[in-house]
Amino acid sequence: MHTLPYASFSRRASARLIDLCVVLVPCCVFYLIDRALGCPLKYTSLFSWKHPESATMFMSDDFPGVFIIFVSIKLLIAYPYFALMESSRWQGTIGKQVMQIKVTDLKGNPITFARATGRYFLKIISSVEFMLGYLISFSDQRQTIHDYLSQVLVVRKGTIFSDSMPGVPSGVMFDVSFLLPRRDTTRRESGWYECVWCNYRAIGTGRNCPNCGRLGWVPSGVLRGMLLMAGLIFTLIGCALAYLTFLGD
């Protein structure tokens, strides 16, 4: 049975969980040192904390301190950890190494620190879209939206790159056998582009559609990912509005 070279959703999710534990280790160490010294830095010293009695009160009294701590962990611990490890000779974080996957450019080469930095901060896009950027494939090479924008791949270790890498027709990062057709791993749509405006489809590259001339000439996998994400986002928003309209107080 042929095994796809790209990292599966389960491997990437498991690696992410391991990396979360790794990032929390220095936070726990700092907390223990702080407690051993008699708590010279207290959580409540960052702002005037009060027990939140409403969402408005939380945003005005509690949120600033939570936001400062969150951003500090992201910038001072998580960012250097992910960017340095993924641009190193190991080509991946500790979690990725445990799960036997790595980060490469589109040709299988190690990525630079600058590209790793861009990829890390592009994860914001994947996160704010209800985490759909992690669940939807934006190409036939299992790229999340931040993978596609930073032009990287996450593959299994030992993957040998070639000009005919197998494609994954499904637009979802994981299989749901009773909802999605079986993947045809022999199918490859490399080179096929579609226009987001006139739906013209052909083999080629560029940014402007050769048919209508407008900006929006993207790979077929990217367009499928965009449409799937848009559909799910509007569905979630619609469900939320329906709940507020008919079930809310």
C-alpha atoms as a PDB file:
ATOM      1  CA  MET A   1       0.000   0.000   0.000  1.00  0.00           C
ATOM      2  CA  HIS A   2       1.373   3.386  -1.016  1.00  0.00           C
ATOM      3  CA  THR A   3       2.058   5.790   1.854  1.00  0.00           C
ATOM      4  CA  LEU A   4       1.749   9.484   1.185  1.00  0.00           C
ATOM      5  CA  PRO A   5       4.897  11.475   1.985  1.00  0.00           C
ATOM      6  CA  TYR A   6       2.946  14.325   3.597  1.00  0.00           C
ATOM      7  CA  ALA A   7       2.365  14.488   7.352  1.00  0.00           C
ATOM      8  CA  SER A   8      -1.152  13.441   8.318  1.00  0.00           C
ATOM      9  CA  PHE A   9      -3.458  15.547  10.452  1.00  0.00           C
ATOM     10  CA  SER A  10      -3.083  13.134  13.377  1.00  0.00           C
ATOM     11  CA  ARG A  11       0.729  13.321  13.265  1.00  0.00           C
ATOM     12  CA  ARG A  12       0.689  17.117  13.099  1.00  0.00           C
ATOM     13  CA  ALA A  13      -1.859  17.371  15.924  1.00  0.00           C
ATOM     14  CA  SER A  14       0.159  14.987  18.100  1.00  0.00           C
ATOM     15  CA  ALA A  15       3.342  16.958  17.411  1.00  0.00           C
ATOM     16  CA  ARG A  16       1.513  20.159  18.334  1.00  0.00           C
ATOM     17  CA  LEU A  17       0.406  18.672  21.662  1.00  0.00           C
ATOM     18  CA  ILE A  18       3.971  17.603  22.482  1.00  0.00           C
ATOM     19  CA  ASP A  19       5.285  21.063  21.570  1.00  0.00           C
ATOM     20  CA  LEU A  20       2.662  22.670  23.806  1.00  0.00           C
ATOM     21  CA  CYS A  21       4.029  20.657  26.728  1.00  0.00           C
ATOM     22  CA  VAL A  22       7.587  21.687  25.805  1.00  0.00           C
ATOM     23  CA  VAL A  23       6.653  25.385  25.687  1.00  0.00           C
ATOM     24  CA  LEU A  24       4.920  25.141  29.056  1.00  0.00           C
ATOM     25  CA  VAL A  25       8.026  23.677  30.751  1.00  0.00           C
ATOM     26  CA  PRO A  26       9.902  27.031  31.066  1.00  0.00           C
ATOM     27  CA  CYS A  27       6.653  28.650  32.189  1.00  0.00           C
ATOM     28  CA  CYS A  28       6.327  26.090  34.992  1.00  0.00           C
ATOM     29  CA  VAL A  29      10.006  26.525  35.917  1.00  0.00           C
ATOM     30  CA  PHE A  30       9.556  30.296  36.146  1.00  0.00           C
ATOM     31  CA  TYR A  31       6.446  29.815  38.284  1.00  0.00           C
ATOM     32  CA  LEU A  32       8.259  27.473  40.690  1.00  0.00           C
ATOM     33  CA  ILE A  33      11.200  29.874  41.000  1.00  0.00           C
ATOM     34  CA  ASP A  34       8.778  32.721  41.628  1.00  0.00           C
ATOM     35  CA  ARG A  35       7.028  30.701  44.356  1.00  0.00           C
ATOM     36  CA  ALA A  36      10.360  29.700  45.924  1.00  0.00           C
ATOM     37  CA  LEU A  37      11.349  33.386  46.156  1.00  0.00           C
ATOM     38  CA  GLY A  38       8.071  34.284  47.836  1.00  0.00           C
ATOM     39  CA  CYS A  39       6.134  35.338  44.709  1.00  0.00           C
ATOM     40  CA  PRO A  40       7.891  38.664  43.981  1.00  0.00           C
ATOM     41  CA  LEU A  41       6.011  38.785  40.648  1.00  0.00           C
ATOM     42  CA  LYS A  42       2.306  38.229  41.120  1.00  0.00           C
ATOM     43  CA  TYR A  43      -0.312  37.819  38.456  1.00  0.00           C
ATOM     44  CA  THR A  44      -2.451  40.505  40.067  1.00  0.00           C
ATOM     45  CA  SER A  45       0.446  42.984  40.041  1.00  0.00           C
ATOM     46  CA  LEU A  46       0.096  43.362  36.268  1.00  0.00           C
ATOM     47  CA  PHE A  47      -3.246  45.108  36.621  1.00  0.00           C
ATOM     48  CA  SER A  48      -5.974  45.894  39.110  1.00  0.00           C
ATOM     49  CA  TRP A  49      -7.637  42.504  39.213  1.00  0.00           C
ATOM     50  CA  LYS A  50     -11.215  42.061  40.302  1.00  0.00           C
ATOM     51  CA  HIS A  51     -13.434  39.016  40.139  1.00  0.00           C
ATOM     52  CA  PRO A  52     -15.170  39.409  36.749  1.00  0.00           C
ATOM     53  CA  GLU A  53     -18.920  39.596  37.072  1.00  0.00           C
ATOM     54  CA  SER A  54     -19.549  40.243  33.380  1.00  0.00           C
ATOM     55  CA  ALA A  55     -17.831  40.039  30.010  1.00  0.00           C
ATOM     56  CA  THR A  56     -17.397  43.815  29.987  1.00  0.00           C
ATOM     57  CA  MET A  57     -15.715  43.760  33.371  1.00  0.00           C
ATOM     58  CA  PHE A  58     -13.396  40.940  32.260  1.00  0.00           C
ATOM     59  CA  MET A  59     -12.326  42.895  29.164  1.00  0.00           C
ATOM     60  CA  SER A  60     -11.601  46.043  31.174  1.00  0.00           C
ATOM     61  CA  ASP A  61     -10.087  44.584  34.374  1.00  0.00           C
ATOM     62  CA  ASP A  62      -8.822  41.048  33.768  1.00  0.00           C
ATOM     63  CA  PHE A  63      -8.074  40.848  30.048  1.00  0.00           C
ATOM     64  CA  PRO A  64      -5.028  43.193  29.888  1.00  0.00           C
ATOM     65  CA  GLY A  65      -3.002  41.027  32.249  1.00  0.00           C
ATOM     66  CA  VAL A  66      -4.033  37.794  30.538  1.00  0.00           C
ATOM     67  CA  PHE A  67      -3.138  39.313  27.160  1.00  0.00           C
ATOM     68  CA  ILE A  68       0.295  40.480  28.381  1.00  0.00           C
ATOM     69  CA  ILE A  69       1.132  37.014  29.719  1.00  0.00           C
ATOM     70  CA  PHE A  70      -0.136  35.305  26.561  1.00  0.00           C
ATOM     71  CA  VAL A  71       1.823  37.581  24.213  1.00  0.00           C
ATOM     72  CA  SER A  72       4.964  37.298  26.334  1.00  0.00           C
ATOM     73  CA  ILE A  73       4.864  33.494  26.158  1.00  0.00           C
ATOM     74  CA  LYS A  74       4.242  33.597  22.401  1.00  0.00           C
ATOM     75  CA  LEU A  75       7.033  36.072  21.615  1.00  0.00           C
ATOM     76  CA  LEU A  76       9.684  35.113  24.174  1.00  0.00           C
ATOM     77  CA  ILE A  77       9.272  31.326  24.305  1.00  0.00           C
ATOM     78  CA  ALA A  78       7.091  29.852  21.549  1.00  0.00           C
ATOM     79  CA  TYR A  79       8.322  31.985  18.633  1.00  0.00           C
ATOM     80  CA  PRO A  80      12.074  31.354  19.059  1.00  0.00           C
ATOM     81  CA  TYR A  81      11.388  27.688  19.834  1.00  0.00           C
ATOM     82  CA  PHE A  82       9.404  27.033  16.638  1.00  0.00           C
ATOM     83  CA  ALA A  83      11.382  29.311  14.297  1.00  0.00           C
ATOM     84  CA  LEU A  84      14.838  28.188  15.438  1.00  0.00           C
ATOM     85  CA  MET A  85      14.021  24.481  15.540  1.00  0.00           C
ATOM     86  CA  GLU A  86      12.243  24.408  12.177  1.00  0.00           C
ATOM     87  CA  SER A  87      15.067  26.297  10.455  1.00  0.00           C
ATOM     88  CA  SER A  88      17.777  24.154  12.077  1.00  0.00           C
ATOM     89  CA  ARG A  89      19.343  20.983  10.689  1.00  0.00           C
ATOM     90  CA  TRP A  90      16.627  18.987  12.498  1.00  0.00           C
ATOM     91  CA  GLN A  91      13.955  20.742  10.382  1.00  0.00           C
ATOM     92  CA  GLY A  92      11.371  20.457  13.109  1.00  0.00           C
ATOM     93  CA  THR A  93      10.443  20.962  16.725  1.00  0.00           C
ATOM     94  CA  ILE A  94      10.763  18.258  19.368  1.00  0.00           C
ATOM     95  CA  GLY A  95       7.157  17.261  18.724  1.00  0.00           C
ATOM     96  CA  LYS A  96       7.773  16.902  14.993  1.00  0.00           C
ATOM     97  CA  GLN A  97      10.915  14.873  15.614  1.00  0.00           C
ATOM     98  CA  VAL A  98       9.022  12.515  17.912  1.00  0.00           C
ATOM     99  CA  MET A  99       6.308  12.097  15.272  1.00  0.00           C
ATOM    100  CA  GLN A 100       8.928  11.617  12.523  1.00  0.00           C
ATOM    101  CA  ILE A 101       7.922  14.609  10.395  1.00  0.00           C
ATOM    102  CA  LYS A 102       9.814  17.703   9.234  1.00  0.00           C
ATOM    103  CA  VAL A 103       9.352  21.110   7.587  1.00  0.00           C
ATOM    104  CA  THR A 104      10.829  21.749   4.122  1.00  0.00           C
ATOM    105  CA  ASP A 105      10.461  24.177   1.257  1.00  0.00           C
ATOM    106  CA  LEU A 106       8.617  23.066  -1.884  1.00  0.00           C
ATOM    107  CA  LYS A 107      11.729  21.311  -3.195  1.00  0.00           C
ATOM    108  CA  GLY A 108      12.530  19.434   0.002  1.00  0.00           C
ATOM    109  CA  ASN A 109      15.277  21.739   1.243  1.00  0.00           C
ATOM    110  CA  PRO A 110      15.557  23.096   4.823  1.00  0.00           C
ATOM    111  CA  ILE A 111      13.837  26.440   5.317  1.00  0.00           C
ATOM    112  CA  THR A 112      15.543  29.637   6.423  1.00  0.00           C
ATOM    113  CA  PHE A 113      14.947  31.369   9.753  1.00  0.00           C
ATOM    114  CA  ALA A 114      13.138  34.192   7.917  1.00  0.00           C
ATOM    115  CA  ARG A 115      10.721  31.736   6.291  1.00  0.00           C
ATOM    116  CA  ALA A 116      10.217  29.930   9.608  1.00  0.00           C
ATOM    117  CA  THR A 117       9.461  33.301  11.219  1.00  0.00           C
ATOM    118  CA  GLY A 118       6.910  34.143   8.538  1.00  0.00           C
ATOM    119  CA  ARG A 119       5.291  30.728   8.895  1.00  0.00           C
ATOM    120  CA  TYR A 120       5.002  31.108  12.667  1.00  0.00           C
ATOM    121  CA  PHE A 121       3.223  34.454  12.532  1.00  0.00           C
ATOM    122  CA  LEU A 122       1.036  33.356   9.603  1.00  0.00           C
ATOM    123  CA  LYS A 123      -0.434  30.783  11.972  1.00  0.00           C
ATOM    124  CA  ILE A 124      -2.481  33.708  13.306  1.00  0.00           C
ATOM    125  CA  ILE A 125      -4.568  33.492  10.119  1.00  0.00           C
ATOM    126  CA  SER A 126      -5.122  29.769  10.625  1.00  0.00           C
ATOM    127  CA  SER A 127      -6.151  30.351  14.237  1.00  0.00           C
ATOM    128  CA  VAL A 128      -8.520  33.314  13.960  1.00  0.00           C
ATOM    129  CA  GLU A 129     -10.572  31.591  11.253  1.00  0.00           C
ATOM    130  CA  PHE A 130     -12.108  29.271  13.872  1.00  0.00           C
ATOM    131  CA  MET A 131      -8.970  27.056  13.518  1.00  0.00           C
ATOM    132  CA  LEU A 132     -10.162  26.097  10.029  1.00  0.00           C
ATOM    133  CA  GLY A 133      -6.773  27.000   8.583  1.00  0.00           C
ATOM    134  CA  TYR A 134      -5.425  23.895  10.317  1.00  0.00           C
ATOM    135  CA  LEU A 135      -8.222  21.570   9.197  1.00  0.00           C
ATOM    136  CA  ILE A 136      -8.492  22.435   5.503  1.00  0.00           C
ATOM    137  CA  SER A 137      -5.882  21.543   2.906  1.00  0.00           C
ATOM    138  CA  PHE A 138      -5.003  24.430   0.590  1.00  0.00           C
ATOM    139  CA  SER A 139      -3.226  22.322  -2.011  1.00  0.00           C
ATOM    140  CA  ASP A 140      -2.895  18.711  -3.086  1.00  0.00           C
ATOM    141  CA  GLN A 141       0.160  18.458  -0.832  1.00  0.00           C
ATOM    142  CA  ARG A 142      -1.671  18.769   2.506  1.00  0.00           C
ATOM    143  CA  GLN A 143      -0.701  22.377   3.106  1.00  0.00           C
ATOM    144  CA  THR A 144      -2.524  24.381   5.749  1.00  0.00           C
ATOM    145  CA  ILE A 145      -3.146  28.019   4.905  1.00  0.00           C
ATOM    146  CA  HIS A 146       0.019  29.138   6.731  1.00  0.00           C
ATOM    147  CA  ASP A 147       2.000  26.403   4.947  1.00  0.00           C
ATOM    148  CA  TYR A 148       0.727  27.593   1.583  1.00  0.00           C
ATOM    149  CA  LEU A 149       1.360  31.283   2.243  1.00  0.00           C
ATOM    150  CA  SER A 150       4.909  30.615   3.468  1.00  0.00           C
ATOM    151  CA  GLN A 151       5.501  28.074   0.682  1.00  0.00           C
ATOM    152  CA  VAL A 152       6.548  25.141   2.868  1.00  0.00           C
ATOM    153  CA  LEU A 153       5.596  21.478   3.217  1.00  0.00           C
ATOM    154  CA  VAL A 154       5.358  19.249   6.267  1.00  0.00           C
ATOM    155  CA  VAL A 155       6.435  15.743   5.258  1.00  0.00           C
ATOM    156  CA  ARG A 156       7.490  12.463   6.806  1.00  0.00           C
ATOM    157  CA  LYS A 157      11.163  12.039   7.565  1.00  0.00           C
ATOM    158  CA  GLY A 158      12.984  10.142   4.871  1.00  0.00           C
ATOM    159  CA  THR A 159      10.770  11.532   2.094  1.00  0.00           C
ATOM    160  CA  ILE A 160      12.557  11.629  -1.257  1.00  0.00           C
ATOM    161  CA  PHE A 161      11.391  14.560  -3.379  1.00  0.00           C
ATOM    162  CA  SER A 162      10.834  14.271  -7.108  1.00  0.00           C
ATOM    163  CA  ASP A 163       9.119  16.159  -9.927  1.00  0.00           C
ATOM    164  CA  SER A 164       6.081  13.862  -9.648  1.00  0.00           C
ATOM    165  CA  MET A 165       5.148  14.029  -5.987  1.00  0.00           C
ATOM    166  CA  PRO A 166       1.758  12.342  -5.358  1.00  0.00           C
ATOM    167  CA  GLY A 167      -1.303  14.509  -4.878  1.00  0.00           C
ATOM    168  CA  VAL A 168      -4.114  14.353  -2.339  1.00  0.00           C
ATOM    169  CA  PRO A 169      -7.429  15.254  -4.031  1.00  0.00           C
ATOM    170  CA  SER A 170      -9.298  15.767  -0.731  1.00  0.00           C
ATOM    171  CA  GLY A 171      -9.563  19.345   0.496  1.00  0.00           C
ATOM    172  CA  VAL A 172      -9.654  18.205   4.133  1.00  0.00           C
ATOM    173  CA  MET A 173      -6.559  17.383   6.184  1.00  0.00           C
ATOM    174  CA  PHE A 174      -8.031  14.120   7.481  1.00  0.00           C
ATOM    175  CA  ASP A 175     -10.225  11.312   6.168  1.00  0.00           C
ATOM    176  CA  VAL A 176     -13.908  10.943   6.984  1.00  0.00           C
ATOM    177  CA  SER A 177     -14.565   7.726   5.122  1.00  0.00           C
ATOM    178  CA  PHE A 178     -18.368   7.895   5.125  1.00  0.00           C
ATOM    179  CA  LEU A 179     -18.439  11.527   3.952  1.00  0.00           C
ATOM    180  CA  LEU A 180     -15.482  11.802   1.584  1.00  0.00           C
ATOM    181  CA  PRO A 181     -14.629   9.668  -1.431  1.00  0.00           C
ATOM    182  CA  ARG A 182     -11.568   7.455  -1.218  1.00  0.00           C
ATOM    183  CA  ARG A 183      -8.421   9.363  -2.079  1.00  0.00           C
ATOM    184  CA  ASP A 184      -6.809   8.537  -5.369  1.00  0.00           C
ATOM    185  CA  THR A 185      -3.127   8.861  -4.509  1.00  0.00           C
ATOM    186  CA  THR A 186      -2.108   8.393  -8.134  1.00  0.00           C
ATOM    187  CA  ARG A 187      -3.951  11.520  -9.214  1.00  0.00           C
ATOM    188  CA  ARG A 188      -1.934  14.702  -9.517  1.00  0.00           C
ATOM    189  CA  GLU A 189      -3.254  18.144 -10.449  1.00  0.00           C
ATOM    190  CA  SER A 190       0.035  19.987 -10.317  1.00  0.00           C
ATOM    191  CA  GLY A 191      -0.025  23.023 -12.575  1.00  0.00           C
ATOM    192  CA  TRP A 192      -3.811  23.424 -12.717  1.00  0.00           C
ATOM    193  CA  TYR A 193      -5.012  26.925 -11.829  1.00  0.00           C
ATOM    194  CA  GLU A 194      -8.496  28.425 -11.534  1.00  0.00           C
ATOM    195  CA  CYS A 195      -9.819  31.964 -11.561  1.00  0.00           C
ATOM    196  CA  VAL A 196     -11.810  32.999  -8.481  1.00  0.00           C
ATOM    197  CA  TRP A 197     -13.869  35.393 -10.648  1.00  0.00           C
ATOM    198  CA  CYS A 198     -14.741  33.657 -13.929  1.00  0.00           C
ATOM    199  CA  ASN A 199     -14.026  30.009 -12.973  1.00  0.00           C
ATOM    200  CA  TYR A 200     -11.690  29.623 -15.942  1.00  0.00           C
ATOM    201  CA  ARG A 201      -9.396  26.601 -15.436  1.00  0.00           C
ATOM    202  CA  ALA A 202      -6.177  25.727 -17.198  1.00  0.00           C
ATOM    203  CA  ILE A 203      -2.575  24.663 -16.690  1.00  0.00           C
ATOM    204  CA  GLY A 204      -0.318  27.605 -15.998  1.00  0.00           C
ATOM    205  CA  THR A 205       1.113  29.974 -13.426  1.00  0.00           C
ATOM    206  CA  GLY A 206       0.908  33.659 -12.613  1.00  0.00           C
ATOM    207  CA  ARG A 207      -1.356  35.962 -10.662  1.00  0.00           C
ATOM    208  CA  ASN A 208      -3.731  37.318 -13.305  1.00  0.00           C
ATOM    209  CA  CYS A 209      -6.332  35.155 -15.029  1.00  0.00           C
ATOM    210  CA  PRO A 210      -5.459  34.626 -18.729  1.00  0.00           C
ATOM    211  CA  ASN A 211      -9.191  34.674 -19.526  1.00  0.00           C
ATOM    212  CA  CYS A 212     -10.525  37.762 -17.713  1.00  0.00           C
ATOM    213  CA  GLY A 213      -7.215  39.386 -16.775  1.00  0.00           C
ATOM    214  CA  ARG A 214      -8.176  39.977 -13.149  1.00  0.00           C
ATOM    215  CA  LEU A 215      -6.045  39.207 -10.108  1.00  0.00           C
ATOM    216  CA  GLY A 216      -7.146  35.886  -8.622  1.00  0.00           C
ATOM    217  CA  TRP A 217      -5.424  33.168 -10.655  1.00  0.00           C
ATOM    218  CA  VAL A 218      -4.710  30.528  -7.975  1.00  0.00           C
ATOM    219  CA  PRO A 219      -3.934  26.783  -7.838  1.00  0.00           C
ATOM    220  CA  SER A 220      -7.020  24.550  -7.871  1.00  0.00           C
ATOM    221  CA  GLY A 221      -6.327  23.221  -4.374  1.00  0.00           C
ATOM    222  CA  VAL A 222      -6.113  26.731  -2.969  1.00  0.00           C
ATOM    223  CA  LEU A 223      -9.469  27.701  -4.479  1.00  0.00           C
ATOM    224  CA  ARG A 224     -11.124  24.580  -3.072  1.00  0.00           C
ATOM    225  CA  GLY A 225      -9.662  25.366   0.343  1.00  0.00           C
ATOM    226  CA  MET A 226     -10.891  28.973   0.177  1.00  0.00           C
ATOM    227  CA  LEU A 227     -14.423  27.921  -0.775  1.00  0.00           C
ATOM    228  CA  LEU A 228     -14.574  25.230   1.904  1.00  0.00           C
ATOM    229  CA  MET A 229     -13.327  27.620   4.589  1.00  0.00           C
ATOM    230  CA  ALA A 230     -15.740  30.363   3.510  1.00  0.00           C
ATOM    231  CA  GLY A 231     -18.659  27.921   3.554  1.00  0.00           C
ATOM    232  CA  LEU A 232     -17.824  26.661   7.039  1.00  0.00           C
ATOM    233  CA  ILE A 233     -17.256  30.169   8.425  1.00  0.00           C
ATOM    234  CA  PHE A 234     -20.601  31.448   7.147  1.00  0.00           C
ATOM    235  CA  THR A 235     -22.282  28.294   8.479  1.00  0.00           C
ATOM    236  CA  LEU A 236     -20.820  28.888  11.948  1.00  0.00           C
ATOM    237  CA  ILE A 237     -21.797  32.568  11.866  1.00  0.00           C
ATOM    238  CA  GLY A 238     -25.305  31.647  10.705  1.00  0.00           C
ATOM    239  CA  CYS A 239     -25.712  29.102  13.511  1.00  0.00           C
ATOM    240  CA  ALA A 240     -24.525  31.677  16.060  1.00  0.00           C
ATOM    241  CA  LEU A 241     -26.981  34.297  14.753  1.00  0.00           C
ATOM    242  CA  ALA A 242     -29.816  31.764  14.744  1.00  0.00           C
ATOM    243  CA  TYR A 243     -29.034  30.834  18.356  1.00  0.00           C
ATOM    244  CA  LEU A 244     -28.976  34.487  19.449  1.00  0.00           C
ATOM    245  CA  THR A 245     -32.218  35.206  17.571  1.00  0.00           C
ATOM    246  CA  PHE A 246     -34.331  32.253  18.632  1.00  0.00           C
ATOM    247  CA  LEU A 247     -32.734  30.835  21.780  1.00  0.00           C
ATOM    248  CA  GLY A 248     -30.927  33.794  23.347  1.00  0.00           C
ATOM    249  CA  ASP A 249     -32.417  35.664  26.264  1.00  0.00           C
END
